[in-house]
């Protein structure tokens, strides 16, 4: 079927028929019949949110607009959906979902298709050359995964370049593109498309350490009786705020994570795990603001509590001993001033209450990671520390300074973020990556290399 991001057709909504037009960004609905247009419609109609809005195009295709917040616009509605899925005919189910190009080209690079052993260049006799390409099966890698509870085979491969038969703008001899394909064990309804998309998106955000990534072209297919994939739908995703990769080496490629990719997919898509510390774009990732500092602290604690659920208990054994000694001292002083100085007794009681509330906080969690991941961060620390010109006593107090700045920001303090806080902030991001990758059972040597690539 011919692909186009511009669409028009008709649909039913709230028991009314509407004509729709879509220009790739804005969706507009107007009543199909003139008799349906009333002067009071803007008062009678209500804004509507729909995860999926179904319609029929003028080409008799079944189209599903995604994530629609419909706003009343006189007798009609307007919305800026996240995109659409357009099926050929009356279909709404698919077996495969293929991501082609975009960030996938850098996660699993197209140069895997080159047969280096049999490729040759003749620079001296005419300047000719012959490039040999490997077959699809030879360069494909597969593993079993689970996406939002749905079992699938994940395949990474490279497609053959298309033949340049027709003259076009940017004409070339064909460009191979990498693909990430999910082949599901059972047919999938289109209502799950956006969830599946987000699971792969979250994985790619994690390996690239920025949110504004492009997932490339996305197509849906069905597996026929011969085991071949027949296309059933194409998609358009609104990616106006997305950008192509700038540094092709600043990404954790498949080599680092593929053996444990299912574990990693499950972790980065946990609903109760806060990974908002990942910057929206490369520029914002280079600066520390009070907001990004607070978000990083929240993400750090969220991941720490998930990875080390028993750390508090281990810490508390010694901490409780010290707390008890302080409380015993205060109790003695309380008895000493009984009937002699009520104000001092009141102050001692206040500090006793504060000590009782002391817990395994952000500073202790940061210090736990410093000890636990010391060897994994040696290279990173040696590389980054030179920028900050810190004294050893500042580094020794880094965990407490990291926590103290978070507490000050929580109370709207205007204290300046100093070099020690920036250094602690960068280390906290490293610790988050280490905790997640170790939880996914990725080997230490690969974790060290991965950190040096993206952080």
Protein backbone atom coordinates (compact mmCIF):
# COMPACT_ATOMS: atom_id res chain seq x y z
CA UNK A 1 0.00 0.00 0.00
CA UNK A 2 1.29 3.56 -0.72
CA UNK A 3 2.56 5.26 2.43
CA UNK A 4 1.65 8.81 3.39
CA UNK A 5 1.67 10.77 6.64
CA UNK A 6 -1.19 12.93 5.30
CA UNK A 7 -4.55 11.23 5.71
CA UNK A 8 -8.26 11.94 5.30
CA UNK A 9 -11.45 9.95 5.66
CA UNK A 10 -14.35 9.50 8.03
CA UNK A 11 -15.03 8.09 11.49
CA UNK A 12 -17.70 7.76 14.15
CA UNK A 13 -17.38 9.46 17.53
CA UNK A 14 -20.01 9.81 20.25
CA UNK A 15 -22.62 8.36 17.83
CA UNK A 16 -21.86 11.05 15.23
CA UNK A 17 -20.13 10.77 11.85
CA UNK A 18 -17.14 13.02 11.20
CA UNK A 19 -14.86 13.80 8.29
CA UNK A 20 -11.21 13.88 9.37
CA UNK A 21 -8.04 15.35 7.91
CA UNK A 22 -4.50 14.81 9.21
CA UNK A 23 -1.41 16.68 8.01
CA UNK A 24 1.19 14.64 9.87
CA UNK A 25 0.73 16.61 13.08
CA UNK A 26 -2.77 18.10 13.49
CA UNK A 27 -5.92 15.96 13.32
CA UNK A 28 -9.17 17.82 12.57
CA UNK A 29 -12.70 16.42 12.79
CA UNK A 30 -15.78 18.15 11.34
CA UNK A 31 -19.35 16.78 11.26
CA UNK A 32 -20.07 14.82 8.09
CA UNK A 33 -23.59 16.21 7.67
CA UNK A 34 -24.39 19.92 7.61
CA UNK A 35 -27.51 19.22 9.66
CA UNK A 36 -25.27 17.95 12.49
CA UNK A 37 -23.66 21.38 12.94
CA UNK A 38 -25.33 23.28 15.79
CA UNK A 39 -24.50 26.70 17.19
CA UNK A 40 -24.37 25.33 20.73
CA UNK A 41 -22.05 22.38 19.94
CA UNK A 42 -19.05 24.07 21.55
CA UNK A 43 -20.98 24.18 24.83
CA UNK A 44 -22.59 20.74 24.59
CA UNK A 45 -19.52 18.78 23.45
CA UNK A 46 -16.76 17.78 25.87
CA UNK A 47 -13.04 17.19 25.51
CA UNK A 48 -12.26 13.48 25.09
CA UNK A 49 -9.13 11.38 25.60
CA UNK A 50 -8.81 8.15 23.61
CA UNK A 51 -5.83 5.78 23.60
CA UNK A 52 -6.92 4.77 20.09
CA UNK A 53 -9.26 6.57 17.67
CA UNK A 54 -10.39 4.45 14.73
CA UNK A 55 -11.40 5.66 11.29
CA UNK A 56 -11.51 4.71 7.61
CA UNK A 57 -9.38 6.52 5.03
CA UNK A 58 -10.53 7.59 1.58
CA UNK A 59 -8.46 4.65 0.31
CA UNK A 60 -10.63 2.23 2.37
CA UNK A 61 -7.80 1.54 4.81
CA UNK A 62 -8.42 1.05 8.51
CA UNK A 63 -6.56 3.74 10.46
CA UNK A 64 -5.93 4.01 14.20
CA UNK A 65 -4.74 7.33 15.64
CA UNK A 66 -2.70 6.97 18.82
CA UNK A 67 -2.90 8.84 22.12
CA UNK A 68 -5.57 11.36 21.13
CA UNK A 69 -6.56 14.25 23.40
CA UNK A 70 -9.51 15.62 21.44
CA UNK A 71 -10.29 19.27 22.14
CA UNK A 72 -13.68 20.77 21.25
CA UNK A 73 -13.38 23.11 18.26
CA UNK A 74 -16.82 24.61 17.54
CA UNK A 75 -18.86 21.70 16.16
CA UNK A 76 -15.82 19.50 15.69
CA UNK A 77 -12.59 18.47 17.40
CA UNK A 78 -8.86 18.95 16.99
CA UNK A 79 -6.00 16.85 18.37
CA UNK A 80 -2.28 16.24 18.02
CA UNK A 81 -2.01 12.44 18.21
CA UNK A 82 1.30 10.64 18.72
CA UNK A 83 0.86 9.16 15.25
CA UNK A 84 -1.17 6.46 13.54
CA UNK A 85 -1.19 2.84 12.39
CA UNK A 86 -2.73 2.31 8.95
CA UNK A 87 -3.87 -1.22 8.05
CA UNK A 88 -4.54 -2.57 4.58
CA UNK A 89 -8.21 -3.56 4.42
CA UNK A 90 -10.22 -4.52 7.49
CA UNK A 91 -7.28 -5.79 9.59
CA UNK A 92 -6.29 -4.78 13.15
CA UNK A 93 -4.00 -7.64 14.25
CA UNK A 94 -0.31 -8.25 13.57
CA UNK A 95 2.33 -10.94 14.23
CA UNK A 96 5.51 -8.94 13.68
CA UNK A 97 6.69 -5.42 14.42
CA UNK A 98 9.82 -4.20 12.60
CA UNK A 99 11.88 -1.13 13.51
CA UNK A 100 14.10 -0.12 10.60
CA UNK A 101 16.84 2.52 10.57
CA UNK A 102 16.95 5.39 13.05
CA UNK A 103 18.75 4.55 16.29
CA UNK A 104 18.68 0.84 15.32
CA UNK A 105 21.34 1.60 12.68
CA UNK A 106 23.75 2.44 15.51
CA UNK A 107 22.66 -0.19 18.02
CA UNK A 108 23.35 -2.93 15.43
CA UNK A 109 25.35 -1.34 12.63
CA UNK A 110 24.66 -1.98 8.93
CA UNK A 111 28.34 -2.73 8.25
CA UNK A 112 27.68 -6.23 9.62
CA UNK A 113 26.42 -7.00 6.11
CA UNK A 114 29.84 -6.52 4.49
CA UNK A 115 31.74 -9.72 3.71
CA UNK A 116 35.23 -8.33 4.37
CA UNK A 117 37.07 -11.52 3.41
CA UNK A 118 35.63 -11.57 -0.12
CA UNK A 119 35.41 -7.82 -0.72
CA UNK A 120 38.23 -6.42 -2.82
CA UNK A 121 39.33 -3.06 -4.24
CA UNK A 122 41.64 -2.58 -7.21
CA UNK A 123 43.16 0.86 -6.71
CA UNK A 124 45.94 0.40 -9.28
CA UNK A 125 44.27 -1.16 -12.32
CA UNK A 126 41.35 1.10 -13.15
CA UNK A 127 40.20 1.81 -9.59
CA UNK A 128 37.45 -0.79 -9.63
CA UNK A 129 36.11 -2.62 -6.64
CA UNK A 130 33.78 -5.41 -5.66
CA UNK A 131 31.82 -5.39 -2.40
CA UNK A 132 30.42 -8.72 -1.27
CA UNK A 133 27.42 -8.82 1.06
CA UNK A 134 26.61 -11.55 3.56
CA UNK A 135 23.22 -13.32 3.37
CA UNK A 136 20.45 -12.24 5.77
CA UNK A 137 20.53 -15.41 7.88
CA UNK A 138 24.28 -15.18 8.44
CA UNK A 139 24.14 -11.70 9.95
CA UNK A 140 20.94 -12.18 11.96
CA UNK A 141 20.94 -12.59 15.73
CA UNK A 142 17.95 -13.88 17.70
CA UNK A 143 16.86 -14.24 21.31
CA UNK A 144 13.64 -14.83 23.22
CA UNK A 145 12.10 -11.84 25.01
CA UNK A 146 8.92 -10.84 26.77
CA UNK A 147 7.33 -7.48 25.97
CA UNK A 148 4.63 -6.41 28.43
CA UNK A 149 3.87 -10.06 29.14
CA UNK A 150 3.79 -11.03 25.45
CA UNK A 151 6.38 -13.60 24.37
CA UNK A 152 8.33 -12.89 21.21
CA UNK A 153 11.52 -13.62 19.31
CA UNK A 154 13.70 -10.52 18.97
CA UNK A 155 15.77 -10.43 15.79
CA UNK A 156 18.59 -8.05 14.86
CA UNK A 157 19.73 -7.99 11.26
CA UNK A 158 20.51 -5.84 8.23
CA UNK A 159 18.33 -5.53 5.13
CA UNK A 160 19.80 -5.68 1.64
CA UNK A 161 20.04 -2.30 -0.12
CA UNK A 162 17.30 -1.62 -2.64
CA UNK A 163 18.13 -1.54 -6.34
CA UNK A 164 18.46 2.07 -7.59
CA UNK A 165 16.23 1.55 -10.63
CA UNK A 166 14.35 4.87 -10.55
CA UNK A 167 16.04 8.27 -10.49
CA UNK A 168 15.27 10.05 -7.22
CA UNK A 169 16.51 12.95 -5.09
CA UNK A 170 19.58 11.84 -3.10
CA UNK A 171 20.11 9.05 -5.62
CA UNK A 172 22.61 6.41 -4.47
CA UNK A 173 23.49 2.79 -5.03
CA UNK A 174 21.28 1.62 -2.21
CA UNK A 175 21.73 1.81 1.54
CA UNK A 176 21.50 -1.21 3.85
CA UNK A 177 19.46 -0.55 7.01
CA UNK A 178 19.52 -2.32 10.35
CA UNK A 179 16.31 -3.77 11.73
CA UNK A 180 15.00 -4.85 15.11
CA UNK A 181 12.07 -7.21 14.60
CA UNK A 182 9.70 -8.68 17.17
CA UNK A 183 7.99 -11.91 16.09
CA UNK A 184 5.20 -12.61 18.58
CA UNK A 185 4.02 -16.09 19.52
CA UNK A 186 0.39 -14.96 19.30
CA UNK A 187 -1.33 -12.34 17.16
CA UNK A 188 -1.37 -8.87 18.70
CA UNK A 189 -4.24 -6.37 18.65
CA UNK A 190 -3.40 -2.82 17.55
CA UNK A 191 -4.45 -1.51 21.00
CA UNK A 192 -1.10 -2.86 22.29
CA UNK A 193 1.00 -1.17 19.60
CA UNK A 194 1.86 1.92 21.64
CA UNK A 195 2.84 -0.11 24.72
CA UNK A 196 5.16 -2.33 22.68
CA UNK A 197 6.62 0.74 20.98
CA UNK A 198 7.35 2.31 24.38
CA UNK A 199 9.10 -0.83 25.66
CA UNK A 200 11.57 -0.73 22.76
CA UNK A 201 11.83 3.06 23.01
CA UNK A 202 12.74 2.84 26.73
CA UNK A 203 15.44 0.27 25.94
CA UNK A 204 16.95 2.50 23.24
CA UNK A 205 16.77 5.57 25.50
CA UNK A 206 18.76 3.68 28.12
CA UNK A 207 21.49 2.49 25.74
CA UNK A 208 21.83 5.96 24.18
CA UNK A 209 21.45 8.10 27.36
CA UNK A 210 19.04 10.60 25.83
CA UNK A 211 15.29 10.70 25.20
CA UNK A 212 14.99 12.44 21.82
CA UNK A 213 15.85 9.43 19.68
CA UNK A 214 14.29 8.28 16.42
CA UNK A 215 13.22 4.65 16.18
CA UNK A 216 13.10 4.86 12.39
CA UNK A 217 10.48 3.32 10.13
CA UNK A 218 8.04 0.94 11.83
CA UNK A 219 6.05 -1.68 9.89
CA UNK A 220 3.67 -4.41 11.01
CA UNK A 221 3.33 -7.82 9.38
CA UNK A 222 1.57 -11.17 9.48
CA UNK A 223 3.24 -14.55 9.13
CA UNK A 224 1.60 -16.55 6.32
CA UNK A 225 1.29 -20.32 5.92
CA UNK A 226 4.72 -20.48 4.29
CA UNK A 227 6.33 -18.81 7.31
CA UNK A 228 7.02 -15.61 5.39
CA UNK A 229 6.14 -12.12 6.59
CA UNK A 230 3.48 -10.23 4.65
CA UNK A 231 3.09 -6.51 5.39
CA UNK A 232 -0.30 -5.54 6.84
CA UNK A 233 0.26 -2.00 8.17
CA UNK A 234 2.57 0.98 8.12
CA UNK A 235 2.90 3.64 10.78
CA UNK A 236 3.62 7.30 11.24
CA UNK A 237 5.01 8.45 14.60
CA UNK A 238 5.22 12.16 15.35
CA UNK A 239 8.93 12.73 15.98
CA UNK A 240 9.18 16.52 15.68
CA UNK A 241 11.25 16.79 18.86
CA UNK A 242 13.49 13.84 17.98
CA UNK A 243 17.00 14.03 16.53
CA UNK A 244 19.41 11.75 14.74
CA UNK A 245 22.44 10.53 16.66
CA UNK A 246 25.35 12.99 16.72
CA UNK A 247 28.23 10.82 17.95
CA UNK A 248 27.96 7.32 16.47
CA UNK A 249 30.21 5.94 19.21
CA UNK A 250 28.17 7.35 22.10
CA UNK A 251 25.81 4.41 22.40
CA UNK A 252 25.83 1.06 24.20
CA UNK A 253 25.70 -1.25 21.19
CA UNK A 254 24.16 -4.72 20.98
CA UNK A 255 27.53 -6.34 21.78
CA UNK A 256 27.34 -5.15 25.38
CA UNK A 257 23.78 -6.20 26.19
CA UNK A 258 22.43 -8.73 23.67
CA UNK A 259 23.17 -11.83 25.79
CA UNK A 260 21.03 -10.35 28.58
CA UNK A 261 18.72 -8.12 26.58
CA UNK A 262 15.49 -9.60 27.95
CA UNK A 263 16.60 -8.94 31.54
CA UNK A 264 17.51 -5.37 30.59
CA UNK A 265 14.19 -4.80 28.80
CA UNK A 266 12.26 -5.91 31.89
CA UNK A 267 14.24 -3.62 34.21
CA UNK A 268 14.09 -0.40 32.17
CA UNK A 269 10.33 -0.89 31.74
CA UNK A 270 9.49 -1.48 35.40
CA UNK A 271 6.59 0.84 36.21
CA UNK A 272 7.83 1.66 39.72
CA UNK A 273 11.41 2.41 38.62
CA UNK A 274 12.26 6.08 38.12
CA UNK A 275 14.65 6.61 35.19
CA UNK A 276 13.83 10.26 34.56
CA UNK A 277 17.49 11.19 35.14
CA UNK A 278 18.22 10.39 31.50
CA UNK A 279 18.41 13.80 29.73
CA UNK A 280 16.00 14.86 27.00
CA UNK A 281 18.86 15.66 24.62
CA UNK A 282 22.65 15.86 24.44
CA UNK A 283 22.75 19.56 25.39
CA UNK A 284 20.72 19.18 28.60
CA UNK A 285 22.86 16.20 29.58
CA UNK A 286 25.93 18.44 29.78
CA UNK A 287 24.56 20.79 32.44
CA UNK A 288 23.51 20.43 36.07
CA UNK A 289 20.49 22.40 37.23
CA UNK A 290 18.63 22.23 40.56
CA UNK A 291 15.88 20.34 38.73
CA UNK A 292 18.20 17.78 37.10
CA UNK A 293 20.06 17.33 40.42
CA UNK A 294 16.80 16.56 42.26
CA UNK A 295 15.63 14.19 39.52
CA UNK A 296 18.98 12.37 39.58
CA UNK A 297 18.75 11.90 43.36
CA UNK A 298 15.21 10.53 43.05
CA UNK A 299 16.22 8.12 40.26
CA UNK A 300 19.29 7.03 42.20
CA UNK A 301 17.23 6.16 45.30
CA UNK A 302 14.56 4.43 43.21
CA UNK A 303 17.08 2.16 41.48
CA UNK A 304 19.08 1.60 44.68
CA UNK A 305 16.00 0.47 46.62
CA UNK A 306 15.16 -1.96 43.80
CA UNK A 307 18.66 -3.43 43.47
CA UNK A 308 19.61 -3.44 47.18
CA UNK A 309 16.39 -4.12 49.13
CA UNK A 310 18.36 -5.45 52.13
CA UNK A 311 21.06 -2.76 52.28
CA UNK A 312 19.19 -0.89 55.01
CA UNK A 313 19.15 -3.98 57.25
CA UNK A 314 22.87 -4.60 56.73
CA UNK A 315 23.67 -0.98 57.50
CA UNK A 316 21.34 -0.82 60.51
CA UNK A 317 23.28 -3.36 62.59
CA UNK A 318 26.16 -0.91 63.20
CA UNK A 319 24.03 2.20 62.91
CA UNK A 320 21.68 1.00 65.62
CA UNK A 321 24.60 0.39 67.98
CA UNK A 322 25.80 3.99 67.55
CA UNK A 323 22.26 5.38 67.82
CA UNK A 324 21.72 3.41 71.03
CA UNK A 325 24.93 4.80 72.56
CA UNK A 326 23.81 8.37 71.82
CA UNK A 327 20.35 7.72 73.25
CA UNK A 328 21.81 6.20 76.42
CA UNK A 329 24.04 9.27 76.87
CA UNK A 330 21.04 11.60 76.43
CA UNK A 331 19.01 9.54 78.90
CA UNK A 332 21.76 9.94 81.52
CA UNK A 333 21.86 13.69 80.93
CA UNK A 334 18.09 13.83 81.19
CA UNK A 335 18.27 12.24 84.64
CA UNK A 336 21.15 14.52 85.61
CA UNK A 337 19.16 17.70 84.91
CA UNK A 338 15.88 16.36 86.27
CA UNK A 339 14.39 19.00 88.57
CA UNK A 340 17.36 21.31 87.89
CA UNK A 341 17.13 22.61 84.31
CA UNK A 342 13.93 21.90 82.36
CA UNK A 343 15.11 23.81 79.28
CA UNK A 344 18.19 21.62 78.88
CA UNK A 345 16.07 18.49 79.37
CA UNK A 346 13.75 19.74 76.63
CA UNK A 347 16.70 20.24 74.25
CA UNK A 348 18.10 16.77 75.03
CA UNK A 349 14.67 15.25 74.33
CA UNK A 350 14.51 17.12 71.00
CA UNK A 351 17.85 15.66 69.88
CA UNK A 352 16.84 12.20 71.10
CA UNK A 353 13.76 12.38 68.85
CA UNK A 354 15.92 13.47 65.90
CA UNK A 355 18.36 10.58 66.42
CA UNK A 356 15.50 8.08 66.54
CA UNK A 357 14.36 9.29 63.12
CA UNK A 358 17.81 8.94 61.52
CA UNK A 359 17.64 6.26 58.83
CA UNK A 360 19.50 4.77 55.87
CA UNK A 361 19.34 7.90 53.73
CA UNK A 362 20.64 9.18 50.41
CA UNK A 363 24.18 9.77 51.73
CA UNK A 364 24.48 6.23 53.07
CA UNK A 365 23.15 4.79 49.81
CA UNK A 366 25.68 6.79 47.82
CA UNK A 367 28.49 5.64 50.13
CA UNK A 368 27.30 2.03 49.74
CA UNK A 369 27.74 2.35 45.96
CA UNK A 370 31.15 3.96 46.37
CA UNK A 371 32.34 0.90 48.28
CA UNK A 372 30.48 -1.66 46.17
CA UNK A 373 31.49 -0.30 42.76
CA UNK A 374 34.94 1.09 43.49
CA UNK A 375 36.76 -1.12 40.95
CA UNK A 376 34.13 -0.59 38.25
CA UNK A 377 34.49 3.19 38.40
CA UNK A 378 38.28 3.60 38.64
CA UNK A 379 38.72 4.44 34.94
CA UNK A 380 35.78 6.82 34.92
CA UNK A 381 36.86 8.61 38.10
CA UNK A 382 40.43 9.02 36.87
CA UNK A 383 39.16 10.52 33.62
CA UNK A 384 36.55 12.86 35.10
CA UNK A 385 38.20 13.94 38.35
CA UNK A 386 40.83 16.04 36.56
CA UNK A 387 38.16 18.57 35.52
CA UNK A 388 37.13 19.50 39.05
CA UNK A 389 40.36 20.24 41.00
CA UNK A 390 38.92 18.85 44.24
CA UNK A 391 40.71 18.44 47.55
CA UNK A 392 40.87 15.00 49.15
CA UNK A 393 38.84 16.12 52.17
CA UNK A 394 36.04 17.22 49.81
CA UNK A 395 36.06 13.81 48.12
CA UNK A 396 36.00 12.08 51.51
CA UNK A 397 32.83 13.99 52.42
CA UNK A 398 31.21 13.62 48.99
CA UNK A 399 28.35 11.30 50.01
CA UNK A 400 27.16 13.62 52.78
CA UNK A 401 27.55 16.71 50.55
CA UNK A 402 25.56 14.97 47.81
CA UNK A 403 22.69 14.30 50.22
CA UNK A 404 22.89 17.71 51.90
CA UNK A 405 22.53 19.57 48.60
CA UNK A 406 19.44 17.50 47.75
CA UNK A 407 17.92 18.43 51.13
CA UNK A 408 18.70 22.11 50.60
CA UNK A 409 17.10 22.07 47.15
CA UNK A 410 14.01 20.39 48.58
CA UNK A 411 13.59 23.44 50.82
CA UNK A 412 14.13 25.89 47.93
CA UNK A 413 17.62 26.85 49.03
CA UNK A 414 19.54 29.13 46.67
CA UNK A 415 22.93 27.68 47.61
CA UNK A 416 25.36 27.40 44.72
CA UNK A 417 26.01 23.98 43.24
CA UNK A 418 29.77 23.51 43.63
CA UNK A 419 32.26 21.25 41.86
CA UNK A 420 31.96 18.53 44.50
CA UNK A 421 28.19 18.39 43.91
CA UNK A 422 28.66 18.19 40.13
CA UNK A 423 31.18 15.38 40.57
CA UNK A 424 28.83 13.50 42.91
CA UNK A 425 25.99 14.05 40.42
CA UNK A 426 28.01 12.52 37.57
CA UNK A 427 28.98 9.56 39.76
CA UNK A 428 25.35 9.02 40.79
CA UNK A 429 24.41 8.65 37.11
CA UNK A 430 27.23 6.13 36.69
CA UNK A 431 26.05 4.17 39.73
CA UNK A 432 22.52 4.02 38.32
CA UNK A 433 23.83 2.50 35.09
CA UNK A 434 26.03 0.05 36.97
CA UNK A 435 23.18 -1.06 39.24
CA UNK A 436 20.82 -1.65 36.32
CA UNK A 437 23.38 -3.45 34.15
CA UNK A 438 24.56 -5.67 37.01
CA UNK A 439 20.93 -6.46 37.82
CA UNK A 440 20.59 -7.54 34.17
CA UNK A 441 23.59 -9.89 34.73
CA UNK A 442 25.87 -8.03 32.29
CA UNK A 443 29.57 -8.78 32.82
CA UNK A 444 31.74 -6.27 34.71
CA UNK A 445 34.24 -5.74 31.88
CA UNK A 446 31.39 -4.82 29.52
CA UNK A 447 29.87 -2.47 32.10
CA UNK A 448 33.18 -0.59 32.43
CA UNK A 449 33.42 -0.15 28.65
CA UNK A 450 29.77 0.86 28.32
CA UNK A 451 30.09 3.59 30.97
CA UNK A 452 33.09 5.08 29.18
CA UNK A 453 31.06 5.25 25.97
CA UNK A 454 28.00 7.19 27.10
CA UNK A 455 28.75 9.00 30.39
